Amino acid sequence: MSGARILIVEDEPALLRGLKDAFVAKGFDVLPAQDGETGLAYALSRNPHLILLDIMLPRVNGYEICRAVRERGLEMPILMLTAKGQEEDIILGLNLGADDYIVKPFRLGELTARVNAFLRRSKSKPAGSFRFGDCELDLDAHKLYRDAAEVELTAKEFKLLAYFVSRRDCALARNDVLDAVWGNSVIVTPRSIDRCVATLRAKIEPDPRNPRYIQTIRDIGYRFEPGVE
């Protein structure tokens, strides 16, 4: 997808230079980083549309970068570049929030095809902002503002609120929320939703003990009611 911003974090100079040149030639905006510390700083501050991430890096490794990015609620695709190809390393990366992996040495055509596929998928996601009460949820920037001040959300709180907004005024069963926010691959219980809802209410509700927006539906789940201000 020409014009997209890609962060490439790779400590091998020749490979980093080759990947940068190849993607720039295809019209991409490339952010190169040769160590994990620089890569993490770029990931959190430069809003890349996709990250190509080596695992074994100096200063901060790829696993730590992946964890930090997801903990901040950022959902850009992360494609791991690994020389190991061992199942346990791949599983660890995916569990930390990576979307896919490719084992070195790889063909540039295959890598480019995967990058384009992930960018197309990301572009199709809903974007924009949604206002309710004194809050504004910025879906593009993955940020919540209350009275114009940013409110810190965990990755799960953001995803839960975004899901509520997308299904506002609908009755939502706990199991459906679990599937949408936590996914089938994670072993959790409906109580996980209740705990996350409680922390989210504390951040968005005028009175968390008497919630206005996130309503509990007894024996069913929840309903998000933004109302008319």
Protein backbone atom coordinates (compact mmCIF):
# COMPACT_ATOMS: atom_id res chain seq x y z
CA MET A 1 0.00 0.00 0.00
CA SER A 2 2.00 2.96 -1.29
CA GLY A 3 2.32 5.85 1.15
CA ALA A 4 1.95 3.75 4.30
CA ARG A 5 4.48 4.31 7.09
CA ILE A 6 6.45 1.17 8.00
CA LEU A 7 8.77 0.82 10.97
CA ILE A 8 11.59 -1.68 10.35
CA VAL A 9 13.50 -2.74 13.47
CA GLU A 10 16.51 -4.86 12.45
CA ASP A 11 20.04 -4.89 13.89
CA GLU A 12 21.78 -6.32 10.81
CA PRO A 13 22.88 -3.20 8.87
CA ALA A 14 22.89 -4.79 5.41
CA LEU A 15 19.43 -6.31 5.83
CA LEU A 16 18.02 -3.10 7.29
CA ARG A 17 19.41 -1.05 4.42
CA GLY A 18 18.14 -3.55 1.84
CA LEU A 19 14.64 -3.62 3.29
CA LYS A 20 14.52 0.17 3.57
CA ASP A 21 15.60 0.65 -0.04
CA ALA A 22 13.14 -1.98 -1.30
CA PHE A 23 10.12 -0.50 0.47
CA VAL A 24 11.04 3.10 -0.30
CA ALA A 25 11.24 2.10 -3.97
CA LYS A 26 7.67 0.81 -3.71
CA GLY A 27 6.45 4.14 -2.35
CA PHE A 28 6.43 3.41 1.37
CA ASP A 29 7.50 5.84 4.08
CA VAL A 30 10.13 3.88 6.03
CA LEU A 31 11.34 4.41 9.60
CA PRO A 32 14.56 2.37 10.08
CA ALA A 33 15.78 1.41 13.56
CA GLN A 34 18.93 -0.62 14.24
CA ASP A 35 18.32 -1.29 17.94
CA GLY A 36 15.32 -2.05 20.10
CA GLU A 37 15.42 1.14 22.12
CA THR A 38 15.13 3.31 19.01
CA GLY A 39 12.53 0.98 17.54
CA LEU A 40 10.34 1.18 20.64
CA ALA A 41 10.58 4.97 20.70
CA TYR A 42 9.52 5.17 17.04
CA ALA A 43 6.69 2.68 17.58
CA LEU A 44 5.21 4.76 20.40
CA SER A 45 5.74 8.21 18.91
CA ARG A 46 5.72 8.06 15.11
CA ASN A 47 2.42 6.22 14.48
CA PRO A 48 3.62 3.59 11.99
CA HIS A 49 0.94 1.72 10.08
CA LEU A 50 2.89 -1.55 10.38
CA ILE A 51 5.99 -2.84 12.19
CA LEU A 52 8.54 -5.29 10.80
CA LEU A 53 10.21 -6.50 13.99
CA ASP A 54 13.33 -8.57 14.49
CA ILE A 55 13.35 -10.60 17.72
CA MET A 56 17.00 -10.61 18.78
CA LEU A 57 17.89 -6.93 19.17
CA PRO A 58 20.36 -4.97 21.28
CA ARG A 59 19.11 -2.90 24.28
CA VAL A 60 15.44 -3.92 23.99
CA ASN A 61 14.43 -7.20 22.33
CA GLY A 62 11.52 -7.70 19.99
CA TYR A 63 9.36 -9.40 22.61
CA GLU A 64 9.65 -6.39 24.91
CA ILE A 65 8.77 -4.03 22.04
CA CYS A 66 5.72 -6.09 21.13
CA ARG A 67 4.54 -6.21 24.74
CA ALA A 68 5.02 -2.47 25.25
CA VAL A 69 3.19 -1.58 22.02
CA ARG A 70 0.16 -3.70 22.89
CA GLU A 71 0.08 -2.49 26.49
CA ARG A 72 -0.28 1.03 25.14
CA GLY A 73 -3.35 -0.09 23.20
CA LEU A 74 -1.72 0.26 19.77
CA GLU A 75 -3.06 -2.22 17.24
CA MET A 76 -0.99 -1.70 14.11
CA PRO A 77 0.04 -5.05 12.57
CA ILE A 78 3.33 -6.48 13.84
CA LEU A 79 5.18 -8.92 11.60
CA MET A 80 8.05 -10.71 13.34
CA LEU A 81 11.32 -11.34 11.52
CA THR A 82 13.01 -14.34 13.11
CA ALA A 83 16.05 -16.41 12.24
CA LYS A 84 15.10 -19.13 14.67
CA GLY A 85 11.83 -20.45 13.31
CA GLN A 86 11.34 -22.39 16.55
CA GLU A 87 7.77 -22.99 17.60
CA GLU A 88 8.19 -21.71 21.15
CA ASP A 89 9.65 -18.40 19.94
CA ILE A 90 6.86 -17.90 17.43
CA ILE A 91 4.17 -18.77 19.97
CA LEU A 92 5.66 -16.35 22.50
CA GLY A 93 5.66 -13.54 19.96
CA LEU A 94 2.08 -14.22 18.89
CA ASN A 95 0.94 -14.41 22.51
CA LEU A 96 2.50 -11.01 23.13
CA GLY A 97 0.45 -9.51 20.31
CA ALA A 98 2.35 -10.09 17.06
CA ASP A 99 0.13 -10.79 14.06
CA ASP A 100 2.36 -13.04 11.99
CA TYR A 101 5.98 -14.09 11.44
CA ILE A 102 8.38 -14.76 8.62
CA VAL A 103 11.56 -16.81 9.00
CA LYS A 104 14.91 -15.58 7.68
CA PRO A 105 16.08 -15.93 5.02
CA PHE A 106 12.88 -14.86 3.25
CA ARG A 107 11.92 -13.75 -0.24
CA LEU A 108 11.26 -10.05 -0.61
CA GLY A 109 8.20 -10.73 -2.76
CA GLU A 110 6.62 -12.86 -0.04
CA LEU A 111 7.38 -10.27 2.63
CA THR A 112 5.92 -7.45 0.51
CA ALA A 113 2.79 -9.49 -0.17
CA ARG A 114 2.25 -10.09 3.55
CA VAL A 115 2.83 -6.43 4.37
CA ASN A 116 0.28 -5.35 1.77
CA ALA A 117 -2.25 -7.91 3.01
CA PHE A 118 -1.99 -6.65 6.59
CA LEU A 119 -2.24 -3.02 5.51
CA ARG A 120 -5.37 -3.72 3.47
CA ARG A 121 -6.91 -5.47 6.47
CA SER A 122 -6.04 -2.58 8.79
CA LYS A 123 -7.40 -0.01 6.36
CA SER A 124 -10.77 -1.74 6.37
CA LYS A 125 -11.21 -1.26 10.13
CA PRO A 126 -13.65 1.40 11.35
CA ALA A 127 -12.01 4.71 12.18
CA GLY A 128 -12.97 8.11 13.45
CA SER A 129 -14.14 9.38 16.80
CA PHE A 130 -17.19 9.04 19.00
CA ARG A 131 -18.48 11.47 21.62
CA PHE A 132 -20.60 10.70 24.67
CA GLY A 133 -21.10 12.98 27.63
CA ASP A 134 -17.83 14.74 28.41
CA CYS A 135 -15.82 11.97 26.69
CA GLU A 136 -14.43 11.55 23.19
CA LEU A 137 -13.06 8.21 21.98
CA ASP A 138 -10.55 8.72 19.17
CA LEU A 139 -10.50 5.42 17.30
CA ASP A 140 -7.71 6.53 14.94
CA ALA A 141 -5.29 7.56 17.69
CA HIS A 142 -6.45 4.91 20.20
CA LYS A 143 -7.02 7.56 22.83
CA LEU A 144 -9.82 8.60 25.18
CA TYR A 145 -10.35 12.18 26.24
CA ARG A 146 -12.51 13.44 29.09
CA ASP A 147 -13.05 17.18 29.35
CA ALA A 148 -10.26 17.46 26.72
CA ALA A 149 -7.77 15.68 29.02
CA GLU A 150 -6.38 12.31 27.93
CA VAL A 151 -7.48 9.33 30.02
CA GLU A 152 -5.08 6.38 30.22
CA LEU A 153 -6.67 3.12 29.10
CA THR A 154 -5.22 -0.37 29.09
CA ALA A 155 -5.33 -2.25 25.79
CA LYS A 156 -8.30 -4.31 27.00
CA GLU A 157 -10.18 -1.26 28.31
CA PHE A 158 -9.79 0.50 24.97
CA LYS A 159 -10.86 -2.56 23.01
CA LEU A 160 -13.85 -3.07 25.30
CA LEU A 161 -14.96 0.55 25.01
CA ALA A 162 -14.51 0.49 21.22
CA TYR A 163 -16.64 -2.66 21.06
CA PHE A 164 -19.32 -1.09 23.24
CA VAL A 165 -19.36 1.99 21.00
CA SER A 166 -19.65 -0.13 17.86
CA ARG A 167 -22.61 -2.02 19.39
CA ARG A 168 -24.21 0.85 21.31
CA ASP A 169 -27.80 0.44 22.49
CA CYS A 170 -27.57 -3.32 21.94
CA ALA A 171 -27.86 -6.03 24.58
CA LEU A 172 -24.47 -7.76 24.71
CA ALA A 173 -24.09 -11.21 26.22
CA ARG A 174 -20.95 -11.76 28.28
CA ASN A 175 -19.78 -14.59 26.03
CA ASP A 176 -20.10 -12.38 22.94
CA VAL A 177 -18.03 -9.67 24.64
CA LEU A 178 -15.44 -12.27 25.63
CA ASP A 179 -15.13 -13.48 22.05
CA ALA A 180 -14.91 -9.95 20.61
CA VAL A 181 -12.48 -8.47 23.13
CA TRP A 182 -10.49 -11.36 24.59
CA GLY A 183 -10.79 -13.86 21.73
CA ASN A 184 -11.25 -17.59 21.74
CA SER A 185 -7.54 -18.30 22.20
CA VAL A 186 -7.42 -16.78 25.70
CA ILE A 187 -8.70 -18.72 28.71
CA VAL A 188 -10.80 -16.27 30.73
CA THR A 189 -14.15 -16.25 32.50
CA PRO A 190 -17.11 -13.86 32.40
CA ARG A 191 -15.75 -12.34 35.62
CA SER A 192 -12.88 -10.96 33.54
CA ILE A 193 -15.42 -8.75 31.76
CA ASP A 194 -16.91 -7.58 35.05
CA ARG A 195 -13.50 -6.51 36.38
CA CYS A 196 -12.64 -4.68 33.16
CA VAL A 197 -16.04 -2.98 33.11
CA ALA A 198 -15.52 -1.82 36.70
CA THR A 199 -12.18 -0.16 35.89
CA LEU A 200 -13.60 1.34 32.69
CA ARG A 201 -16.60 2.76 34.54
CA ALA A 202 -14.26 4.46 36.99
CA LYS A 203 -12.69 6.31 34.05
CA ILE A 204 -15.75 7.35 32.03
CA GLU A 205 -18.77 7.49 34.34
CA PRO A 206 -19.78 10.67 36.23
CA ASP A 207 -20.78 8.33 39.09
CA PRO A 208 -19.34 4.80 38.69
CA ARG A 209 -21.67 3.47 41.40
CA ASN A 210 -24.68 4.68 39.41
CA PRO A 211 -23.49 4.20 35.82
CA ARG A 212 -25.06 6.26 33.06
CA TYR A 213 -23.37 4.70 30.02
CA ILE A 214 -22.43 1.07 30.72
CA GLN A 215 -25.62 -0.58 31.96
CA THR A 216 -25.66 -4.06 33.47
CA ILE A 217 -28.35 -6.38 32.11
CA ARG A 218 -29.01 -8.94 34.79
CA ASP A 219 -28.17 -12.54 33.83
CA ILE A 220 -27.27 -11.39 30.29
CA GLY A 221 -24.41 -8.89 30.14
CA TYR A 222 -24.22 -5.21 29.30
CA ARG A 223 -25.63 -2.43 27.20
CA PHE A 224 -23.76 0.75 26.27
CA GLU A 225 -26.18 3.69 26.25
CA PRO A 226 -24.47 6.94 25.20
CA GLY A 227 -27.78 8.83 25.33
CA VAL A 228 -28.41 12.29 23.95
CA GLU A 229 -26.54 15.13 25.57
